[in-house]
Amino acid sequence: LPIALLHRYILYGKCPVCQHIFFATCGVLICLWNYGLNILHSAATVYVTYRVLKRLGGSSLSIIIIFIFNMAYLLCGYYMTSTDDYDIKWTMPQCVLALRLIGLSFNLLDGQKPENSVNSVKEEIKLHDCIIPGISRMFLGFIYLIFYQLGTSYIPNQYLLSAEFQEQTFFKRLFTIGFWGHINLYKYICCWLLAEGVCTTFGLTYNRKNKDGRPLWNGCENVKLLKFETASHFNDYILSFNINTNTWCAEYIYKRLKFLGSKIYSQFFTLAFLAVWHGFHSGYYLCFFLEFMIMFAEKDLTQILTKQQKLQSFLDSHPALQILIRILMMMHTF
C-alpha cells in the first residue's frame, strides 16, 4: 500500500519512463526479498518464451513449444522443491506466470485472426476514484485474515487427526470438516483481497463503468464474496472462488477442446490439467476428480428436478419451504 500511494501521489501522470523504472525496480526488489535469486527461474522462462515468440511468432508450433516448456519447467520445480508440508517457494508465483506465458502464445495467434470490430476505450481515471475502493478492499482482506486466524486456532489441522475428533458423532464430524475447509479457504481470500486492494490503489483494476455510471474496480477480482458466502450449489464456488484461474482455464483449455466433441471430455481434461498444474501431491488429483464427479451429478440432478412441473409448482406456492431448502442447500455446500 505505501508503494501504491507513493506512485499515485508523486509519480502519477509524470514521465512514463520514470514510472516504468519505478515499477520495474519495486517489482524486482519485492521478488528478491521473497525468493532471492530464485527469481532467475521466472526470468529464464520469460526469456525463453520471448525468444520463441520472436522466432516463430503466433503459430501452433510456438504454442506447443511454450506450453511444453513452461509446464515441464514448473513440474521440475515442483519435483525439486516440494515437501510434505504446504510449500511457499518460487514455484508459487511461477505457476501463475506459466499460465500467463502460455496464454500469451495463444493471444498472439488469436491476434492474427480478423476481428469484426475494434473498440478502443481510453478514459481518464481521477486520482480520488481508486483510493477509497482500494483501501476498502484491503480492509476486507484484513477482516478475512482475522477470521482465518481465529478459525484455525479454534480448529487446527492437527485436530482432524486426533482421537478426540474420532470420538465425535458422524454429523458433528461432517460439520467440523466443512467448517475447517471453509475457514482454510480464507487464507487465499485474504491474500487476494489485500493484493486486489493494492492493485486498485494503483488504478490497475479499472474496468469501465456500470449502468449507473459508477466506475468498476473489479479488473483483478479473484473472489465474489457474497456469492461465495451464500453458495447453495457447488458450481457457485467455481463462479466465485479463484475466478481468474477458472477464467483462464475456460478460455485457453476448455474452449479449445471442442474438437473432442463432448463437454464432459473437455471438462475432464481441463480439470486434469489443473491437477497437474498444481503439482504432484495426491490431494490435488483427488480434489479435482471429486469436483468432476460432483459437478456432473449436480448438473444432471438439477436438470431432472427442474423438469418436475408438479414439484416446481408446489415449491412456488410455499415460499417458506423455498427458504428452508435454500438453507439446507447452503449447509450441504458449506
C-alpha atoms as a PDB file:
ATOM      1  CA  LEU A   1       0.000   0.000   0.000  1.00  0.00           C
ATOM      2  CA  PRO A   2       2.745   2.576   0.773  1.00  0.00           C
ATOM      3  CA  ILE A   3       4.299   1.905  -2.649  1.00  0.00           C
ATOM      4  CA  ALA A   4       0.913   2.348  -4.324  1.00  0.00           C
ATOM      5  CA  LEU A   5       0.228   5.621  -2.505  1.00  0.00           C
ATOM      6  CA  LEU A   6       3.741   6.853  -3.317  1.00  0.00           C
ATOM      7  CA  HIS A   7       3.100   6.287  -7.002  1.00  0.00           C
ATOM      8  CA  ARG A   8      -0.392   7.789  -7.010  1.00  0.00           C
ATOM      9  CA  TYR A   9       0.569  10.987  -5.211  1.00  0.00           C
ATOM     10  CA  ILE A  10       4.080  11.593  -6.615  1.00  0.00           C
ATOM     11  CA  LEU A  11       4.636   9.797  -9.935  1.00  0.00           C
ATOM     12  CA  TYR A  12       1.089   9.523 -11.329  1.00  0.00           C
ATOM     13  CA  GLY A  13       0.798  11.400 -14.628  1.00  0.00           C
ATOM     14  CA  LYS A  14       4.528  12.137 -14.757  1.00  0.00           C
ATOM     15  CA  CYS A  15       7.252  10.856 -17.093  1.00  0.00           C
ATOM     16  CA  PRO A  16       6.271   7.368 -18.395  1.00  0.00           C
ATOM     17  CA  VAL A  17       9.897   6.208 -18.384  1.00  0.00           C
ATOM     18  CA  CYS A  18      10.243   7.170 -14.725  1.00  0.00           C
ATOM     19  CA  GLN A  19       7.099   5.222 -13.900  1.00  0.00           C
ATOM     20  CA  HIS A  20       8.372   2.171 -15.791  1.00  0.00           C
ATOM     21  CA  ILE A  21      11.654   2.307 -13.870  1.00  0.00           C
ATOM     22  CA  PHE A  22       9.744   2.687 -10.593  1.00  0.00           C
ATOM     23  CA  PHE A  23       7.505  -0.317 -11.282  1.00  0.00           C
ATOM     24  CA  ALA A  24      10.376  -2.494 -12.510  1.00  0.00           C
ATOM     25  CA  THR A  25      12.594  -1.620  -9.548  1.00  0.00           C
ATOM     26  CA  CYS A  26       9.874  -2.202  -6.961  1.00  0.00           C
ATOM     27  CA  GLY A  27       8.837  -5.463  -8.616  1.00  0.00           C
ATOM     28  CA  VAL A  28      12.357  -6.866  -8.734  1.00  0.00           C
ATOM     29  CA  LEU A  29      13.099  -5.828  -5.146  1.00  0.00           C
ATOM     30  CA  ILE A  30       9.889  -7.422  -3.857  1.00  0.00           C
ATOM     31  CA  CYS A  31      10.698 -10.650  -5.721  1.00  0.00           C
ATOM     32  CA  LEU A  32      14.259 -10.654  -4.398  1.00  0.00           C
ATOM     33  CA  TRP A  33      13.026 -10.090  -0.858  1.00  0.00           C
ATOM     34  CA  ASN A  34      10.607 -13.020  -1.129  1.00  0.00           C
ATOM     35  CA  TYR A  35      12.520 -15.560  -3.215  1.00  0.00           C
ATOM     36  CA  GLY A  36      16.110 -14.352  -3.524  1.00  0.00           C
ATOM     37  CA  LEU A  37      17.989 -15.412  -6.636  1.00  0.00           C
ATOM     38  CA  ASN A  38      15.278 -17.960  -7.393  1.00  0.00           C
ATOM     39  CA  ILE A  39      13.599 -15.200  -9.393  1.00  0.00           C
ATOM     40  CA  LEU A  40      16.078 -16.203 -12.108  1.00  0.00           C
ATOM     41  CA  HIS A  41      13.748 -19.135 -12.788  1.00  0.00           C
ATOM     42  CA  SER A  42      10.975 -16.705 -13.679  1.00  0.00           C
ATOM     43  CA  ALA A  43      13.368 -14.597 -15.727  1.00  0.00           C
ATOM     44  CA  ALA A  44      14.532 -17.678 -17.633  1.00  0.00           C
ATOM     45  CA  THR A  45      11.014 -18.762 -18.595  1.00  0.00           C
ATOM     46  CA  VAL A  46      10.104 -15.231 -19.665  1.00  0.00           C
ATOM     47  CA  TYR A  47      13.244 -15.005 -21.814  1.00  0.00           C
ATOM     48  CA  VAL A  48      12.733 -18.395 -23.483  1.00  0.00           C
ATOM     49  CA  THR A  49       9.076 -17.604 -24.171  1.00  0.00           C
ATOM     50  CA  TYR A  50      10.059 -14.251 -25.666  1.00  0.00           C
ATOM     51  CA  ARG A  51      12.695 -15.819 -27.914  1.00  0.00           C
ATOM     52  CA  VAL A  52      10.287 -18.496 -29.146  1.00  0.00           C
ATOM     53  CA  LEU A  53       7.602 -15.930 -29.961  1.00  0.00           C
ATOM     54  CA  LYS A  54      10.185 -13.661 -31.568  1.00  0.00           C
ATOM     55  CA  ARG A  55      11.421 -16.517 -33.732  1.00  0.00           C
ATOM     56  CA  LEU A  56       8.191 -18.347 -34.578  1.00  0.00           C
ATOM     57  CA  GLY A  57       5.589 -15.640 -33.976  1.00  0.00           C
ATOM     58  CA  GLY A  58       1.979 -16.549 -33.363  1.00  0.00           C
ATOM     59  CA  SER A  59       1.786 -20.129 -34.598  1.00  0.00           C
ATOM     60  CA  SER A  60       0.606 -23.538 -33.475  1.00  0.00           C
ATOM     61  CA  LEU A  61       4.230 -24.647 -33.167  1.00  0.00           C
ATOM     62  CA  SER A  62       5.103 -21.778 -30.824  1.00  0.00           C
ATOM     63  CA  ILE A  63       2.084 -22.633 -28.644  1.00  0.00           C
ATOM     64  CA  ILE A  64       3.163 -26.278 -28.393  1.00  0.00           C
ATOM     65  CA  ILE A  65       6.771 -25.371 -27.546  1.00  0.00           C
ATOM     66  CA  ILE A  66       5.829 -22.733 -24.977  1.00  0.00           C
ATOM     67  CA  PHE A  67       3.173 -24.964 -23.398  1.00  0.00           C
ATOM     68  CA  ILE A  68       5.516 -27.942 -23.022  1.00  0.00           C
ATOM     69  CA  PHE A  69       8.484 -25.833 -21.889  1.00  0.00           C
ATOM     70  CA  ASN A  70       6.636 -23.871 -19.205  1.00  0.00           C
ATOM     71  CA  MET A  71       4.742 -26.869 -17.844  1.00  0.00           C
ATOM     72  CA  ALA A  72       7.892 -29.029 -17.829  1.00  0.00           C
ATOM     73  CA  TYR A  73       9.878 -26.280 -16.094  1.00  0.00           C
ATOM     74  CA  LEU A  74       7.131 -25.844 -13.499  1.00  0.00           C
ATOM     75  CA  LEU A  75       6.800 -29.572 -12.807  1.00  0.00           C
ATOM     76  CA  CYS A  76      10.571 -29.917 -12.456  1.00  0.00           C
ATOM     77  CA  GLY A  77      10.419 -27.085  -9.941  1.00  0.00           C
ATOM     78  CA  TYR A  78       7.683 -28.878  -8.009  1.00  0.00           C
ATOM     79  CA  TYR A  79       9.719 -32.089  -8.020  1.00  0.00           C
ATOM     80  CA  MET A  80      12.871 -30.395  -6.711  1.00  0.00           C
ATOM     81  CA  THR A  81      11.248 -28.204  -4.055  1.00  0.00           C
ATOM     82  CA  SER A  82       8.089 -29.965  -2.846  1.00  0.00           C
ATOM     83  CA  THR A  83       7.847 -31.328   0.691  1.00  0.00           C
ATOM     84  CA  ASP A  84       5.121 -32.986   2.754  1.00  0.00           C
ATOM     85  CA  ASP A  85       4.134 -29.551   4.058  1.00  0.00           C
ATOM     86  CA  TYR A  86       2.495 -26.543   2.385  1.00  0.00           C
ATOM     87  CA  ASP A  87       5.250 -25.057   0.233  1.00  0.00           C
ATOM     88  CA  ILE A  88       5.663 -21.315  -0.283  1.00  0.00           C
ATOM     89  CA  LYS A  89       8.593 -21.123  -2.682  1.00  0.00           C
ATOM     90  CA  TRP A  90       9.440 -19.696  -6.081  1.00  0.00           C
ATOM     91  CA  THR A  91       7.132 -22.251  -7.691  1.00  0.00           C
ATOM     92  CA  MET A  92       4.103 -20.424  -6.278  1.00  0.00           C
ATOM     93  CA  PRO A  93       4.427 -17.278  -8.441  1.00  0.00           C
ATOM     94  CA  GLN A  94       5.904 -19.425 -11.199  1.00  0.00           C
ATOM     95  CA  CYS A  95       2.689 -21.430 -11.583  1.00  0.00           C
ATOM     96  CA  VAL A  96       0.769 -18.211 -12.264  1.00  0.00           C
ATOM     97  CA  LEU A  97       3.487 -16.942 -14.587  1.00  0.00           C
ATOM     98  CA  ALA A  98       3.332 -20.215 -16.529  1.00  0.00           C
ATOM     99  CA  LEU A  99      -0.359 -19.633 -17.232  1.00  0.00           C
ATOM    100  CA  ARG A 100       0.304 -16.070 -18.355  1.00  0.00           C
ATOM    101  CA  LEU A 101       3.105 -17.083 -20.714  1.00  0.00           C
ATOM    102  CA  ILE A 102       1.059 -19.903 -22.214  1.00  0.00           C
ATOM    103  CA  GLY A 103      -1.888 -17.548 -22.569  1.00  0.00           C
ATOM    104  CA  LEU A 104       0.361 -15.019 -24.297  1.00  0.00           C
ATOM    105  CA  SER A 105       1.231 -17.532 -27.005  1.00  0.00           C
ATOM    106  CA  PHE A 106      -2.470 -18.218 -27.587  1.00  0.00           C
ATOM    107  CA  ASN A 107      -3.225 -14.496 -27.673  1.00  0.00           C
ATOM    108  CA  LEU A 108      -0.540 -13.849 -30.268  1.00  0.00           C
ATOM    109  CA  LEU A 109      -2.036 -16.490 -32.539  1.00  0.00           C
ATOM    110  CA  ASP A 110      -5.585 -15.253 -31.932  1.00  0.00           C
ATOM    111  CA  GLY A 111      -4.490 -11.684 -32.647  1.00  0.00           C
ATOM    112  CA  GLN A 112      -3.692 -12.627 -36.226  1.00  0.00           C
ATOM    113  CA  LYS A 113      -7.312 -13.547 -36.864  1.00  0.00           C
ATOM    114  CA  PRO A 114      -9.613 -10.894 -38.396  1.00  0.00           C
ATOM    115  CA  GLU A 115     -11.853  -9.022 -35.996  1.00  0.00           C
ATOM    116  CA  ASN A 116     -15.289  -7.660 -36.796  1.00  0.00           C
ATOM    117  CA  SER A 117     -14.625  -4.501 -34.868  1.00  0.00           C
ATOM    118  CA  VAL A 118     -12.050  -2.988 -32.598  1.00  0.00           C
ATOM    119  CA  ASN A 119     -13.326  -0.927 -29.721  1.00  0.00           C
ATOM    120  CA  SER A 120     -10.670   1.242 -28.155  1.00  0.00           C
ATOM    121  CA  VAL A 121     -11.685   2.890 -24.922  1.00  0.00           C
ATOM    122  CA  LYS A 122      -9.491   5.438 -23.237  1.00  0.00           C
ATOM    123  CA  GLU A 123     -10.814   7.178 -20.152  1.00  0.00           C
ATOM    124  CA  GLU A 124      -9.132   9.407 -17.638  1.00  0.00           C
ATOM    125  CA  ILE A 125      -9.130   7.985 -14.128  1.00  0.00           C
ATOM    126  CA  LYS A 126      -9.349  10.572 -11.404  1.00  0.00           C
ATOM    127  CA  LEU A 127      -6.916  10.202  -8.556  1.00  0.00           C
ATOM    128  CA  HIS A 128      -9.528  10.083  -5.819  1.00  0.00           C
ATOM    129  CA  ASP A 129     -11.626   7.439  -7.610  1.00  0.00           C
ATOM    130  CA  CYS A 130      -9.373   4.493  -6.783  1.00  0.00           C
ATOM    131  CA  ILE A 131      -8.030   5.256  -3.297  1.00  0.00           C
ATOM    132  CA  ILE A 132     -11.189   4.558  -1.294  1.00  0.00           C
ATOM    133  CA  PRO A 133     -12.170   1.396  -3.245  1.00  0.00           C
ATOM    134  CA  GLY A 134      -8.621   0.079  -2.866  1.00  0.00           C
ATOM    135  CA  ILE A 135      -8.433   0.697   0.878  1.00  0.00           C
ATOM    136  CA  SER A 136     -11.941  -0.757   1.329  1.00  0.00           C
ATOM    137  CA  ARG A 137     -10.920  -3.956  -0.437  1.00  0.00           C
ATOM    138  CA  MET A 138      -7.786  -4.196   1.703  1.00  0.00           C
ATOM    139  CA  PHE A 139      -9.889  -3.694   4.829  1.00  0.00           C
ATOM    140  CA  LEU A 140     -11.997  -6.705   3.832  1.00  0.00           C
ATOM    141  CA  GLY A 141      -8.751  -8.626   3.388  1.00  0.00           C
ATOM    142  CA  PHE A 142      -7.730  -7.851   6.972  1.00  0.00           C
ATOM    143  CA  ILE A 143     -11.186  -8.931   8.199  1.00  0.00           C
ATOM    144  CA  TYR A 144     -10.812 -12.288   6.459  1.00  0.00           C
ATOM    145  CA  LEU A 145      -7.285 -12.607   7.835  1.00  0.00           C
ATOM    146  CA  ILE A 146      -8.662 -12.194  11.359  1.00  0.00           C
ATOM    147  CA  PHE A 147     -11.393 -14.768  10.708  1.00  0.00           C
ATOM    148  CA  TYR A 148      -8.779 -17.178   9.364  1.00  0.00           C
ATOM    149  CA  GLN A 149      -6.551 -16.804  12.418  1.00  0.00           C
ATOM    150  CA  LEU A 150      -9.460 -17.226  14.823  1.00  0.00           C
ATOM    151  CA  GLY A 151     -10.924 -20.172  12.918  1.00  0.00           C
ATOM    152  CA  THR A 152      -7.671 -22.110  12.575  1.00  0.00           C
ATOM    153  CA  SER A 153      -6.854 -21.535  16.241  1.00  0.00           C
ATOM    154  CA  TYR A 154     -10.274 -22.972  17.156  1.00  0.00           C
ATOM    155  CA  ILE A 155      -9.953 -25.962  14.785  1.00  0.00           C
ATOM    156  CA  PRO A 156      -6.267 -26.534  13.927  1.00  0.00           C
ATOM    157  CA  ASN A 157      -5.256 -29.001  11.243  1.00  0.00           C
ATOM    158  CA  GLN A 158      -3.955 -31.462  13.835  1.00  0.00           C
ATOM    159  CA  TYR A 159      -7.391 -31.718  15.445  1.00  0.00           C
ATOM    160  CA  LEU A 160      -8.794 -33.645  12.461  1.00  0.00           C
ATOM    161  CA  LEU A 161      -6.179 -36.358  13.065  1.00  0.00           C
ATOM    162  CA  SER A 162      -6.717 -36.529  16.822  1.00  0.00           C
ATOM    163  CA  ALA A 163      -8.546 -39.191  18.826  1.00  0.00           C
ATOM    164  CA  GLU A 164     -10.861 -36.505  20.201  1.00  0.00           C
ATOM    165  CA  PHE A 165     -12.169 -35.790  16.705  1.00  0.00           C
ATOM    166  CA  GLN A 166     -12.723 -39.500  16.008  1.00  0.00           C
ATOM    167  CA  GLU A 167     -14.879 -39.763  19.125  1.00  0.00           C
ATOM    168  CA  GLN A 168     -17.348 -37.147  17.861  1.00  0.00           C
ATOM    169  CA  THR A 169     -20.648 -38.128  16.261  1.00  0.00           C
ATOM    170  CA  PHE A 170     -20.784 -38.623  12.488  1.00  0.00           C
ATOM    171  CA  PHE A 171     -22.743 -35.455  11.750  1.00  0.00           C
ATOM    172  CA  LYS A 172     -20.609 -33.351  14.063  1.00  0.00           C
ATOM    173  CA  ARG A 173     -17.501 -34.578  12.270  1.00  0.00           C
ATOM    174  CA  LEU A 174     -19.079 -33.671   8.928  1.00  0.00           C
ATOM    175  CA  PHE A 175     -19.882 -30.168  10.151  1.00  0.00           C
ATOM    176  CA  THR A 176     -16.403 -29.767  11.639  1.00  0.00           C
ATOM    177  CA  ILE A 177     -14.713 -30.784   8.380  1.00  0.00           C
ATOM    178  CA  GLY A 178     -16.941 -28.387   6.431  1.00  0.00           C
ATOM    179  CA  PHE A 179     -16.218 -25.522   8.815  1.00  0.00           C
ATOM    180  CA  TRP A 180     -12.486 -26.294   8.793  1.00  0.00           C
ATOM    181  CA  GLY A 181     -12.381 -26.416   4.991  1.00  0.00           C
ATOM    182  CA  HIS A 182     -14.345 -23.189   4.613  1.00  0.00           C
ATOM    183  CA  ILE A 183     -12.135 -21.326   7.066  1.00  0.00           C
ATOM    184  CA  ASN A 184      -8.960 -22.609   5.411  1.00  0.00           C
ATOM    185  CA  LEU A 185     -10.059 -21.026   2.136  1.00  0.00           C
ATOM    186  CA  TYR A 186      -9.924 -17.669   3.907  1.00  0.00           C
ATOM    187  CA  LYS A 187      -6.122 -17.668   3.727  1.00  0.00           C
ATOM    188  CA  TYR A 188      -6.413 -17.426  -0.055  1.00  0.00           C
ATOM    189  CA  ILE A 189      -9.244 -14.909   0.072  1.00  0.00           C
ATOM    190  CA  CYS A 190      -7.409 -12.551   2.426  1.00  0.00           C
ATOM    191  CA  CYS A 191      -4.303 -12.615   0.205  1.00  0.00           C
ATOM    192  CA  TRP A 192      -6.382 -11.951  -2.915  1.00  0.00           C
ATOM    193  CA  LEU A 193      -8.262  -9.088  -1.270  1.00  0.00           C
ATOM    194  CA  LEU A 194      -5.068  -7.466   0.012  1.00  0.00           C
ATOM    195  CA  ALA A 195      -3.404  -7.771  -3.398  1.00  0.00           C
ATOM    196  CA  GLU A 196      -6.535  -6.551  -5.162  1.00  0.00           C
ATOM    197  CA  GLY A 197      -6.723  -3.560  -2.837  1.00  0.00           C
ATOM    198  CA  VAL A 198      -3.148  -2.565  -3.658  1.00  0.00           C
ATOM    199  CA  CYS A 199      -3.755  -3.019  -7.402  1.00  0.00           C
ATOM    200  CA  THR A 200      -6.894  -0.885  -7.134  1.00  0.00           C
ATOM    201  CA  THR A 201      -4.957   1.840  -5.338  1.00  0.00           C
ATOM    202  CA  PHE A 202      -2.534   1.818  -8.269  1.00  0.00           C
ATOM    203  CA  GLY A 203      -5.537   2.168 -10.576  1.00  0.00           C
ATOM    204  CA  LEU A 204      -4.821  -1.140 -12.324  1.00  0.00           C
ATOM    205  CA  THR A 205      -8.226  -2.745 -11.725  1.00  0.00           C
ATOM    206  CA  TYR A 206     -10.363  -0.144 -13.523  1.00  0.00           C
ATOM    207  CA  ASN A 207     -12.996  -1.976 -15.587  1.00  0.00           C
ATOM    208  CA  ARG A 208     -15.029   0.842 -17.151  1.00  0.00           C
ATOM    209  CA  LYS A 209     -18.366   1.812 -15.561  1.00  0.00           C
ATOM    210  CA  ASN A 210     -21.590   0.116 -14.577  1.00  0.00           C
ATOM    211  CA  LYS A 211     -25.034   1.017 -15.893  1.00  0.00           C
ATOM    212  CA  ASP A 212     -25.340   3.748 -13.258  1.00  0.00           C
ATOM    213  CA  GLY A 213     -22.152   5.418 -14.460  1.00  0.00           C
ATOM    214  CA  ARG A 214     -20.091   4.421 -11.440  1.00  0.00           C
ATOM    215  CA  PRO A 215     -16.537   3.161 -12.036  1.00  0.00           C
ATOM    216  CA  LEU A 216     -15.959  -0.559 -11.622  1.00  0.00           C
ATOM    217  CA  TRP A 217     -12.772  -1.674  -9.866  1.00  0.00           C
ATOM    218  CA  ASN A 218     -13.093  -5.424 -10.405  1.00  0.00           C
ATOM    219  CA  GLY A 219     -10.459  -5.875 -13.105  1.00  0.00           C
ATOM    220  CA  CYS A 220      -8.366  -8.110 -10.812  1.00  0.00           C
ATOM    221  CA  GLU A 221     -11.239  -9.565  -8.794  1.00  0.00           C
ATOM    222  CA  ASN A 222     -10.495 -13.159  -7.841  1.00  0.00           C
ATOM    223  CA  VAL A 223     -13.362 -13.815  -5.433  1.00  0.00           C
ATOM    224  CA  LYS A 224     -17.012 -12.749  -5.328  1.00  0.00           C
ATOM    225  CA  LEU A 225     -17.544 -12.608  -1.584  1.00  0.00           C
ATOM    226  CA  LEU A 226     -21.350 -12.544  -1.439  1.00  0.00           C
ATOM    227  CA  LYS A 227     -21.759 -15.439  -3.868  1.00  0.00           C
ATOM    228  CA  PHE A 228     -19.029 -17.410  -2.099  1.00  0.00           C
ATOM    229  CA  GLU A 229     -20.516 -16.974   1.373  1.00  0.00           C
ATOM    230  CA  THR A 230     -24.089 -17.728   0.228  1.00  0.00           C
ATOM    231  CA  ALA A 231     -23.287 -20.605  -2.144  1.00  0.00           C
ATOM    232  CA  SER A 232     -26.071 -23.171  -2.445  1.00  0.00           C
ATOM    233  CA  HIS A 233     -24.614 -25.114  -5.395  1.00  0.00           C
ATOM    234  CA  PHE A 234     -21.080 -26.391  -5.872  1.00  0.00           C
ATOM    235  CA  ASN A 235     -20.994 -24.524  -9.167  1.00  0.00           C
ATOM    236  CA  ASP A 236     -21.301 -21.312  -7.131  1.00  0.00           C
ATOM    237  CA  TYR A 237     -17.820 -21.972  -5.766  1.00  0.00           C
ATOM    238  CA  ILE A 238     -16.408 -22.280  -9.272  1.00  0.00           C
ATOM    239  CA  LEU A 239     -18.040 -18.988 -10.252  1.00  0.00           C
ATOM    240  CA  SER A 240     -16.969 -17.131  -7.113  1.00  0.00           C
ATOM    241  CA  PHE A 241     -13.594 -18.573  -5.982  1.00  0.00           C
ATOM    242  CA  ASN A 242     -10.257 -18.269  -7.810  1.00  0.00           C
ATOM    243  CA  ILE A 243     -12.082 -16.586 -10.673  1.00  0.00           C
ATOM    244  CA  ASN A 244      -9.042 -15.649 -12.735  1.00  0.00           C
ATOM    245  CA  THR A 245      -7.626 -19.177 -12.871  1.00  0.00           C
ATOM    246  CA  ASN A 246     -11.036 -20.608 -13.735  1.00  0.00           C
ATOM    247  CA  THR A 247     -11.476 -17.975 -16.446  1.00  0.00           C
ATOM    248  CA  TRP A 248      -8.037 -18.758 -17.871  1.00  0.00           C
ATOM    249  CA  CYS A 249      -8.778 -22.491 -17.993  1.00  0.00           C
ATOM    250  CA  ALA A 250     -12.150 -21.884 -19.613  1.00  0.00           C
ATOM    251  CA  GLU A 251     -10.598 -19.659 -22.285  1.00  0.00           C
ATOM    252  CA  TYR A 252      -7.349 -21.471 -23.063  1.00  0.00           C
ATOM    253  CA  ILE A 253      -8.111 -25.120 -22.243  1.00  0.00           C
ATOM    254  CA  TYR A 254     -11.834 -25.903 -22.106  1.00  0.00           C
ATOM    255  CA  LYS A 255     -12.945 -23.930 -25.179  1.00  0.00           C
ATOM    256  CA  ARG A 256     -10.022 -25.212 -27.234  1.00  0.00           C
ATOM    257  CA  LEU A 257     -11.008 -28.828 -26.625  1.00  0.00           C
ATOM    258  CA  LYS A 258     -14.124 -28.504 -28.770  1.00  0.00           C
ATOM    259  CA  PHE A 259     -12.607 -30.972 -31.231  1.00  0.00           C
ATOM    260  CA  LEU A 260     -13.288 -33.711 -28.663  1.00  0.00           C
ATOM    261  CA  GLY A 261     -16.987 -33.276 -29.403  1.00  0.00           C
ATOM    262  CA  SER A 262     -18.064 -33.615 -25.775  1.00  0.00           C
ATOM    263  CA  LYS A 263     -18.372 -31.100 -22.945  1.00  0.00           C
ATOM    264  CA  ILE A 264     -17.754 -33.897 -20.467  1.00  0.00           C
ATOM    265  CA  TYR A 265     -14.419 -34.787 -22.057  1.00  0.00           C
ATOM    266  CA  SER A 266     -13.466 -31.109 -22.232  1.00  0.00           C
ATOM    267  CA  GLN A 267     -14.301 -30.632 -18.564  1.00  0.00           C
ATOM    268  CA  PHE A 268     -12.431 -33.786 -17.553  1.00  0.00           C
ATOM    269  CA  PHE A 269      -9.210 -32.842 -19.351  1.00  0.00           C
ATOM    270  CA  THR A 270      -9.445 -29.248 -18.116  1.00  0.00           C
ATOM    271  CA  LEU A 271      -9.599 -30.471 -14.528  1.00  0.00           C
ATOM    272  CA  ALA A 272      -6.805 -32.950 -15.259  1.00  0.00           C
ATOM    273  CA  PHE A 273      -4.657 -30.055 -16.473  1.00  0.00           C
ATOM    274  CA  LEU A 274      -5.442 -28.116 -13.296  1.00  0.00           C
ATOM    275  CA  ALA A 275      -4.415 -31.082 -11.159  1.00  0.00           C
ATOM    276  CA  VAL A 276      -1.071 -31.431 -12.954  1.00  0.00           C
ATOM    277  CA  TRP A 277      -0.547 -27.656 -12.855  1.00  0.00           C
ATOM    278  CA  HIS A 278      -0.952 -27.660  -9.073  1.00  0.00           C
ATOM    279  CA  GLY A 279       1.800 -30.226  -8.521  1.00  0.00           C
ATOM    280  CA  PHE A 280       2.392 -33.826  -7.522  1.00  0.00           C
ATOM    281  CA  HIS A 281       0.528 -34.023  -4.199  1.00  0.00           C
ATOM    282  CA  SER A 282      -2.201 -36.670  -4.438  1.00  0.00           C
ATOM    283  CA  GLY A 283      -4.736 -34.392  -2.767  1.00  0.00           C
ATOM    284  CA  TYR A 284      -4.903 -32.202  -5.871  1.00  0.00           C
ATOM    285  CA  TYR A 285      -5.833 -35.128  -8.101  1.00  0.00           C
ATOM    286  CA  LEU A 286      -8.442 -36.389  -5.640  1.00  0.00           C
ATOM    287  CA  CYS A 287      -9.874 -32.884  -5.272  1.00  0.00           C
ATOM    288  CA  PHE A 288     -10.333 -32.270  -8.994  1.00  0.00           C
ATOM    289  CA  PHE A 289     -11.637 -35.790  -9.606  1.00  0.00           C
ATOM    290  CA  LEU A 290     -14.278 -35.219  -6.934  1.00  0.00           C
ATOM    291  CA  GLU A 291     -15.072 -31.836  -8.493  1.00  0.00           C
ATOM    292  CA  PHE A 292     -15.665 -33.544 -11.831  1.00  0.00           C
ATOM    293  CA  MET A 293     -17.962 -36.167 -10.280  1.00  0.00           C
ATOM    294  CA  ILE A 294     -19.855 -33.671  -8.113  1.00  0.00           C
ATOM    295  CA  MET A 295     -20.425 -31.202 -10.941  1.00  0.00           C
ATOM    296  CA  PHE A 296     -21.558 -33.993 -13.260  1.00  0.00           C
ATOM    297  CA  ALA A 297     -24.055 -35.268 -10.678  1.00  0.00           C
ATOM    298  CA  GLU A 298     -25.225 -31.780  -9.690  1.00  0.00           C
ATOM    299  CA  LYS A 299     -25.895 -30.780 -13.289  1.00  0.00           C
ATOM    300  CA  ASP A 300     -27.905 -33.925 -14.036  1.00  0.00           C
ATOM    301  CA  LEU A 301     -29.877 -33.748 -10.788  1.00  0.00           C
ATOM    302  CA  THR A 302     -30.685 -30.064 -11.347  1.00  0.00           C
ATOM    303  CA  GLN A 303     -31.994 -30.797 -14.829  1.00  0.00           C
ATOM    304  CA  ILE A 304     -34.149 -33.664 -13.550  1.00  0.00           C
ATOM    305  CA  LEU A 305     -35.682 -31.615 -10.720  1.00  0.00           C
ATOM    306  CA  THR A 306     -36.270 -28.600 -12.958  1.00  0.00           C
ATOM    307  CA  LYS A 307     -38.357 -30.725 -15.327  1.00  0.00           C
ATOM    308  CA  GLN A 308     -40.654 -31.859 -12.500  1.00  0.00           C
ATOM    309  CA  GLN A 309     -43.535 -29.426 -13.010  1.00  0.00           C
ATOM    310  CA  LYS A 310     -45.551 -30.620 -10.009  1.00  0.00           C
ATOM    311  CA  LEU A 311     -42.570 -30.223  -7.712  1.00  0.00           C
ATOM    312  CA  GLN A 312     -41.807 -26.742  -9.052  1.00  0.00           C
ATOM    313  CA  SER A 313     -45.445 -25.654  -8.671  1.00  0.00           C
ATOM    314  CA  PHE A 314     -45.508 -26.980  -5.116  1.00  0.00           C
ATOM    315  CA  LEU A 315     -42.350 -25.058  -4.210  1.00  0.00           C
ATOM    316  CA  ASP A 316     -43.638 -21.876  -5.859  1.00  0.00           C
ATOM    317  CA  SER A 317     -46.749 -21.997  -3.682  1.00  0.00           C
ATOM    318  CA  HIS A 318     -44.758 -22.457  -0.461  1.00  0.00           C
ATOM    319  CA  PRO A 319     -42.181 -19.626  -0.047  1.00  0.00           C
ATOM    320  CA  ALA A 320     -41.280 -20.777   3.458  1.00  0.00           C
ATOM    321  CA  LEU A 321     -40.303 -24.176   2.099  1.00  0.00           C
ATOM    322  CA  GLN A 322     -38.090 -22.496  -0.517  1.00  0.00           C
ATOM    323  CA  ILE A 323     -36.249 -20.665   2.254  1.00  0.00           C
ATOM    324  CA  LEU A 324     -35.795 -23.909   4.192  1.00  0.00           C
ATOM    325  CA  ILE A 325     -34.457 -25.695   1.102  1.00  0.00           C
ATOM    326  CA  ARG A 326     -32.093 -22.791   0.445  1.00  0.00           C
ATOM    327  CA  ILE A 327     -30.724 -23.056   3.987  1.00  0.00           C
ATOM    328  CA  LEU A 328     -30.293 -26.823   3.681  1.00  0.00           C
ATOM    329  CA  MET A 329     -28.502 -26.424   0.346  1.00  0.00           C
ATOM    330  CA  MET A 330     -26.167 -23.826   1.861  1.00  0.00           C
ATOM    331  CA  MET A 331     -25.398 -26.247   4.691  1.00  0.00           C
ATOM    332  CA  HIS A 332     -24.828 -29.007   2.130  1.00  0.00           C
ATOM    333  CA  THR A 333     -22.271 -26.969   0.172  1.00  0.00           C
ATOM    334  CA  PHE A 334     -20.649 -25.408   3.263  1.00  0.00           C
END
